[in-house]
Structures are given as C-alpha cells and as structure tokens.
C-alpha cells in the first residue's frame, strides 16, 4: 500500500527505513522523500513509526542488533556508577593571569 502518493513510497519502504534506524518522519524523508511534497502522508508515517517500535534514540535498537542487553530490562543488573572525582578549587594568581 502506498504511504506517499507524491513520491510513490510504499509502507514496506517506510518499514525498511525504520528497521534501518529512522526514528522521525524527517529521517524517513531523507531516505525516500516521503512527506516532502504535500505532507498528507506525514501522519501515516508517524503512525508507522509508532507501530513498528521506533524509539526516540536509535541506541536501543542498535544495542538489540548487536546483541547487547537492553538498559531498561530489570532482569539485567547494572554496574554501579563510578565515584565522582574530587573537586579541587583553583587558585588564580598574578603569575597565572599573565600566561
């Protein structure tokens, strides 16, 4: 089925763009030009993004493709954050300013 009549873009093409990492209508438009003419297909593109698991950040999808653990999975324990480095006050002297 066609999503964009202006550029003859099908749902399959949009789904392939999503599988390739596109997360927004603009990113899909870069690949296949869908949504760049009359704009009537943008809502359908947004719906396809929602239906096919597009996420705001492509790193989760990339992690899944690489076989890495999902950071939001409660079954996977996360490593503790490293301790912050101590803050040392900086003392400015006249010798430092001239340099």
N, C-alpha and C. Protein backbone atom coordinates (compact mmCIF):
# COMPACT_ATOMS: atom_id res chain seq x y z
N UNK A 1 0.84 -1.17 0.00
CA UNK A 1 0.00 0.00 0.00
C UNK A 1 0.89 1.25 0.00
N UNK A 2 0.48 2.25 -0.75
CA UNK A 2 1.24 3.48 -0.82
C UNK A 2 1.02 4.34 0.42
N UNK A 3 2.09 4.89 0.93
CA UNK A 3 2.03 5.85 2.02
C UNK A 3 2.09 7.25 1.43
N UNK A 4 2.99 7.46 0.51
CA UNK A 4 3.20 8.77 -0.12
C UNK A 4 2.93 8.64 -1.62
N UNK A 5 1.83 9.23 -2.04
CA UNK A 5 1.47 9.19 -3.46
C UNK A 5 2.37 10.11 -4.29
N UNK A 6 2.83 11.20 -3.71
CA UNK A 6 3.66 12.16 -4.45
C UNK A 6 4.96 11.53 -4.94
N UNK A 7 5.54 10.65 -4.12
CA UNK A 7 6.84 10.05 -4.45
C UNK A 7 6.76 8.53 -4.58
N UNK A 8 5.53 7.99 -4.64
CA UNK A 8 5.30 6.55 -4.81
C UNK A 8 6.07 5.71 -3.79
N UNK A 9 5.95 6.09 -2.51
CA UNK A 9 6.63 5.38 -1.43
C UNK A 9 5.62 4.44 -0.76
N UNK A 10 6.00 3.19 -0.62
CA UNK A 10 5.12 2.18 -0.02
C UNK A 10 5.39 2.01 1.47
N UNK A 11 4.46 1.32 2.14
CA UNK A 11 4.64 1.02 3.56
C UNK A 11 5.90 0.19 3.78
N UNK A 12 6.16 -0.74 2.87
CA UNK A 12 7.36 -1.57 3.01
C UNK A 12 8.63 -0.74 2.99
N UNK A 13 8.67 0.29 2.14
CA UNK A 13 9.85 1.16 2.09
C UNK A 13 10.01 1.93 3.40
N UNK A 14 8.90 2.41 3.95
CA UNK A 14 8.95 3.14 5.22
C UNK A 14 9.39 2.19 6.33
N UNK A 15 8.86 0.96 6.35
CA UNK A 15 9.24 -0.01 7.38
C UNK A 15 10.72 -0.37 7.28
N UNK A 16 11.24 -0.46 6.07
CA UNK A 16 12.67 -0.74 5.90
C UNK A 16 13.51 0.42 6.43
N UNK A 17 13.03 1.65 6.22
CA UNK A 17 13.75 2.82 6.75
C UNK A 17 13.75 2.79 8.28
N UNK A 18 12.61 2.40 8.87
CA UNK A 18 12.52 2.29 10.33
C UNK A 18 13.46 1.21 10.83
N UNK A 19 13.47 0.06 10.16
CA UNK A 19 14.38 -1.02 10.55
C UNK A 19 15.84 -0.60 10.39
N UNK A 20 16.09 0.32 9.48
CA UNK A 20 17.44 0.83 9.26
C UNK A 20 17.86 1.89 10.26
N UNK A 21 16.94 2.28 11.17
CA UNK A 21 17.30 3.23 12.22
C UNK A 21 16.60 4.56 12.16
N UNK A 22 15.72 4.79 11.18
CA UNK A 22 14.99 6.06 11.12
C UNK A 22 14.02 6.14 12.29
N UNK A 23 14.01 7.29 12.97
CA UNK A 23 13.17 7.48 14.15
C UNK A 23 12.15 8.59 14.00
N UNK A 24 12.27 9.39 12.97
CA UNK A 24 11.38 10.53 12.78
C UNK A 24 10.94 10.60 11.32
N UNK A 25 9.83 11.29 11.06
CA UNK A 25 9.43 11.49 9.66
C UNK A 25 10.52 12.17 8.84
N UNK A 26 11.26 13.06 9.45
CA UNK A 26 12.33 13.75 8.73
C UNK A 26 13.43 12.78 8.30
N UNK A 27 13.78 11.84 9.18
CA UNK A 27 14.80 10.85 8.82
C UNK A 27 14.30 9.92 7.72
N UNK A 28 13.02 9.59 7.75
CA UNK A 28 12.46 8.78 6.67
C UNK A 28 12.48 9.57 5.37
N UNK A 29 12.15 10.84 5.44
CA UNK A 29 12.14 11.69 4.24
C UNK A 29 13.52 11.79 3.60
N UNK A 30 14.57 11.77 4.42
CA UNK A 30 15.92 11.83 3.86
C UNK A 30 16.21 10.64 2.97
N UNK A 31 15.66 9.49 3.33
CA UNK A 31 15.93 8.28 2.57
C UNK A 31 15.06 8.09 1.34
N UNK A 32 13.76 8.42 1.45
CA UNK A 32 12.85 8.11 0.34
C UNK A 32 11.99 9.29 -0.10
N UNK A 33 12.17 10.45 0.50
CA UNK A 33 11.46 11.69 0.16
C UNK A 33 9.99 11.69 0.56
N UNK A 34 9.51 10.66 1.23
CA UNK A 34 8.11 10.63 1.68
C UNK A 34 7.86 11.77 2.65
N UNK A 35 6.79 12.51 2.43
CA UNK A 35 6.44 13.61 3.32
C UNK A 35 7.06 14.94 2.96
N UNK A 36 7.78 15.00 1.84
CA UNK A 36 8.46 16.25 1.48
C UNK A 36 7.70 17.10 0.47
N UNK A 37 6.55 16.61 -0.02
CA UNK A 37 5.82 17.39 -1.02
C UNK A 37 4.56 17.98 -0.39
N UNK A 38 3.44 17.30 -0.48
CA UNK A 38 2.18 17.87 0.02
C UNK A 38 2.02 17.69 1.53
N UNK A 39 2.71 16.70 2.12
CA UNK A 39 2.67 16.50 3.57
C UNK A 39 1.50 15.68 4.08
N UNK A 40 0.61 15.24 3.19
CA UNK A 40 -0.56 14.50 3.66
C UNK A 40 -0.21 13.12 4.22
N UNK A 41 0.98 12.62 3.94
CA UNK A 41 1.37 11.29 4.41
C UNK A 41 2.11 11.31 5.75
N UNK A 42 2.40 12.48 6.26
CA UNK A 42 3.22 12.57 7.48
C UNK A 42 2.55 11.86 8.66
N UNK A 43 1.24 12.00 8.79
CA UNK A 43 0.55 11.33 9.90
C UNK A 43 0.65 9.81 9.78
N UNK A 44 0.54 9.31 8.56
CA UNK A 44 0.67 7.85 8.37
C UNK A 44 2.09 7.40 8.69
N UNK A 45 3.06 8.20 8.31
CA UNK A 45 4.46 7.88 8.62
C UNK A 45 4.66 7.86 10.13
N UNK A 46 4.07 8.84 10.83
CA UNK A 46 4.17 8.87 12.29
C UNK A 46 3.52 7.63 12.90
N UNK A 47 2.38 7.21 12.33
CA UNK A 47 1.71 6.01 12.84
C UNK A 47 2.58 4.77 12.62
N UNK A 48 3.20 4.68 11.46
CA UNK A 48 4.09 3.54 11.19
C UNK A 48 5.28 3.54 12.14
N UNK A 49 5.79 4.72 12.45
CA UNK A 49 6.89 4.81 13.41
C UNK A 49 6.44 4.27 14.77
N UNK A 50 5.24 4.63 15.19
CA UNK A 50 4.71 4.15 16.47
C UNK A 50 4.42 2.66 16.47
N UNK A 51 3.88 2.15 15.35
CA UNK A 51 3.52 0.74 15.26
C UNK A 51 4.74 -0.17 15.21
N UNK A 52 5.81 0.30 14.65
CA UNK A 52 6.96 -0.57 14.41
C UNK A 52 8.12 -0.31 15.37
N UNK A 53 7.79 0.23 16.54
CA UNK A 53 8.76 0.29 17.61
C UNK A 53 9.86 1.31 17.47
N UNK A 54 9.63 2.36 16.71
CA UNK A 54 10.66 3.39 16.63
C UNK A 54 10.81 4.03 18.00
N UNK A 55 12.03 4.31 18.36
CA UNK A 55 12.31 4.91 19.66
C UNK A 55 12.95 6.27 19.46
N UNK A 56 12.85 7.12 20.45
CA UNK A 56 13.44 8.45 20.30
C UNK A 56 14.94 8.42 20.05
N UNK A 57 15.60 7.40 20.57
CA UNK A 57 17.05 7.31 20.42
C UNK A 57 17.41 5.99 19.76
N UNK A 58 18.19 6.00 18.68
CA UNK A 58 18.49 4.76 17.97
C UNK A 58 19.44 3.82 18.72
N UNK A 59 19.98 4.24 19.84
CA UNK A 59 20.95 3.39 20.52
C UNK A 59 20.33 2.10 21.05
N UNK A 60 19.07 2.13 21.46
CA UNK A 60 18.42 0.91 21.96
C UNK A 60 18.26 -0.10 20.83
N UNK A 61 17.88 0.38 19.65
CA UNK A 61 17.73 -0.51 18.50
C UNK A 61 19.09 -1.06 18.10
N UNK A 62 20.12 -0.22 18.12
CA UNK A 62 21.46 -0.66 17.77
C UNK A 62 21.96 -1.69 18.77
N UNK A 63 21.70 -1.46 20.05
CA UNK A 63 22.12 -2.42 21.08
C UNK A 63 21.46 -3.77 20.85
N UNK A 64 20.19 -3.76 20.46
CA UNK A 64 19.49 -5.02 20.20
C UNK A 64 20.11 -5.74 19.00
N UNK A 65 20.46 -4.99 17.96
CA UNK A 65 21.06 -5.60 16.77
C UNK A 65 22.43 -6.19 17.09
N UNK A 66 23.13 -5.56 18.02
CA UNK A 66 24.46 -6.04 18.40
C UNK A 66 24.40 -7.14 19.46
N UNK A 67 23.19 -7.44 19.94
CA UNK A 67 23.03 -8.49 20.94
C UNK A 67 23.38 -8.03 22.34
N UNK A 68 23.39 -6.73 22.57
CA UNK A 68 23.69 -6.20 23.90
C UNK A 68 22.42 -6.17 24.73
N UNK A 69 22.55 -6.12 26.02
CA UNK A 69 21.40 -6.09 26.91
C UNK A 69 20.67 -4.77 26.80
N UNK A 70 19.36 -4.83 26.96
CA UNK A 70 18.53 -3.63 26.98
C UNK A 70 18.74 -2.94 28.32
N UNK A 71 19.14 -1.66 28.33
CA UNK A 71 19.41 -0.99 29.61
C UNK A 71 18.17 -0.84 30.48
N UNK A 72 16.98 -0.94 29.90
CA UNK A 72 15.75 -0.80 30.68
C UNK A 72 15.22 -2.15 31.17
N UNK A 73 15.91 -3.24 30.86
CA UNK A 73 15.47 -4.56 31.28
C UNK A 73 15.81 -4.75 32.76
N UNK A 74 14.79 -4.92 33.62
CA UNK A 74 15.07 -5.06 35.06
C UNK A 74 15.80 -6.35 35.41
N UNK A 75 15.79 -7.33 34.53
CA UNK A 75 16.46 -8.60 34.82
C UNK A 75 17.98 -8.49 34.69
N UNK A 76 18.44 -7.43 34.03
CA UNK A 76 19.87 -7.25 33.82
C UNK A 76 20.40 -6.26 34.85
N UNK A 77 21.27 -6.72 35.76
CA UNK A 77 21.80 -5.78 36.76
C UNK A 77 22.74 -4.77 36.10
N UNK A 78 22.65 -3.56 36.56
CA UNK A 78 23.53 -2.53 36.00
C UNK A 78 24.73 -2.33 36.92
N UNK A 79 25.82 -1.92 36.33
CA UNK A 79 27.04 -1.67 37.10
C UNK A 79 26.86 -0.37 37.88
N UNK A 80 27.44 -0.30 39.06
CA UNK A 80 27.32 0.95 39.82
C UNK A 80 28.09 2.07 39.11
N UNK A 81 27.61 3.27 39.29
CA UNK A 81 28.26 4.42 38.67
C UNK A 81 29.61 4.65 39.34
N UNK A 82 30.61 5.06 38.58
CA UNK A 82 31.92 5.33 39.18
C UNK A 82 31.84 6.54 40.11
N UNK A 83 32.74 6.56 41.09
CA UNK A 83 32.75 7.69 42.02
C UNK A 83 33.19 8.95 41.30
N UNK A 84 32.62 10.06 41.72
CA UNK A 84 32.97 11.34 41.12
C UNK A 84 34.37 11.74 41.57
N UNK A 85 35.07 12.41 40.69
CA UNK A 85 36.41 12.90 41.03
C UNK A 85 36.28 14.04 42.03
N UNK A 86 37.22 14.15 42.95
CA UNK A 86 37.13 15.24 43.93
C UNK A 86 37.29 16.59 43.24
N UNK A 87 36.59 17.57 43.78
CA UNK A 87 36.66 18.93 43.25
C UNK A 87 37.75 19.67 43.98
N UNK A 88 38.69 20.20 43.23
CA UNK A 88 39.81 20.94 43.81
C UNK A 88 39.66 22.40 43.39
N UNK A 89 39.61 23.31 44.36
CA UNK A 89 39.47 24.72 43.99
C UNK A 89 40.72 25.21 43.26
N UNK A 90 40.50 26.06 42.31
CA UNK A 90 41.58 26.62 41.52
C UNK A 90 41.94 27.98 42.09
N UNK A 91 43.21 28.19 42.34
CA UNK A 91 43.65 29.47 42.88
C UNK A 91 44.35 30.22 41.76
N UNK A 92 43.83 31.40 41.45
CA UNK A 92 44.39 32.21 40.38
C UNK A 92 45.31 33.26 41.00
N UNK A 93 46.53 33.31 40.50
CA UNK A 93 47.49 34.32 40.97
C UNK A 93 47.86 35.21 39.80
N UNK A 94 48.58 36.27 40.08
CA UNK A 94 49.01 37.19 39.01
C UNK A 94 49.89 36.48 38.00
N UNK A 95 50.70 35.56 38.44
CA UNK A 95 51.58 34.84 37.53
C UNK A 95 50.75 34.00 36.55
N UNK A 96 49.64 33.44 37.01
CA UNK A 96 48.77 32.64 36.14
C UNK A 96 48.06 33.50 35.11
N UNK A 97 47.68 34.71 35.49
CA UNK A 97 46.93 35.59 34.59
C UNK A 97 47.78 36.07 33.43
N UNK A 98 49.05 36.28 33.64
CA UNK A 98 49.92 36.82 32.60
C UNK A 98 50.18 35.78 31.51
N UNK A 99 50.08 34.54 31.82
CA UNK A 99 50.40 33.48 30.86
C UNK A 99 49.34 33.25 29.85
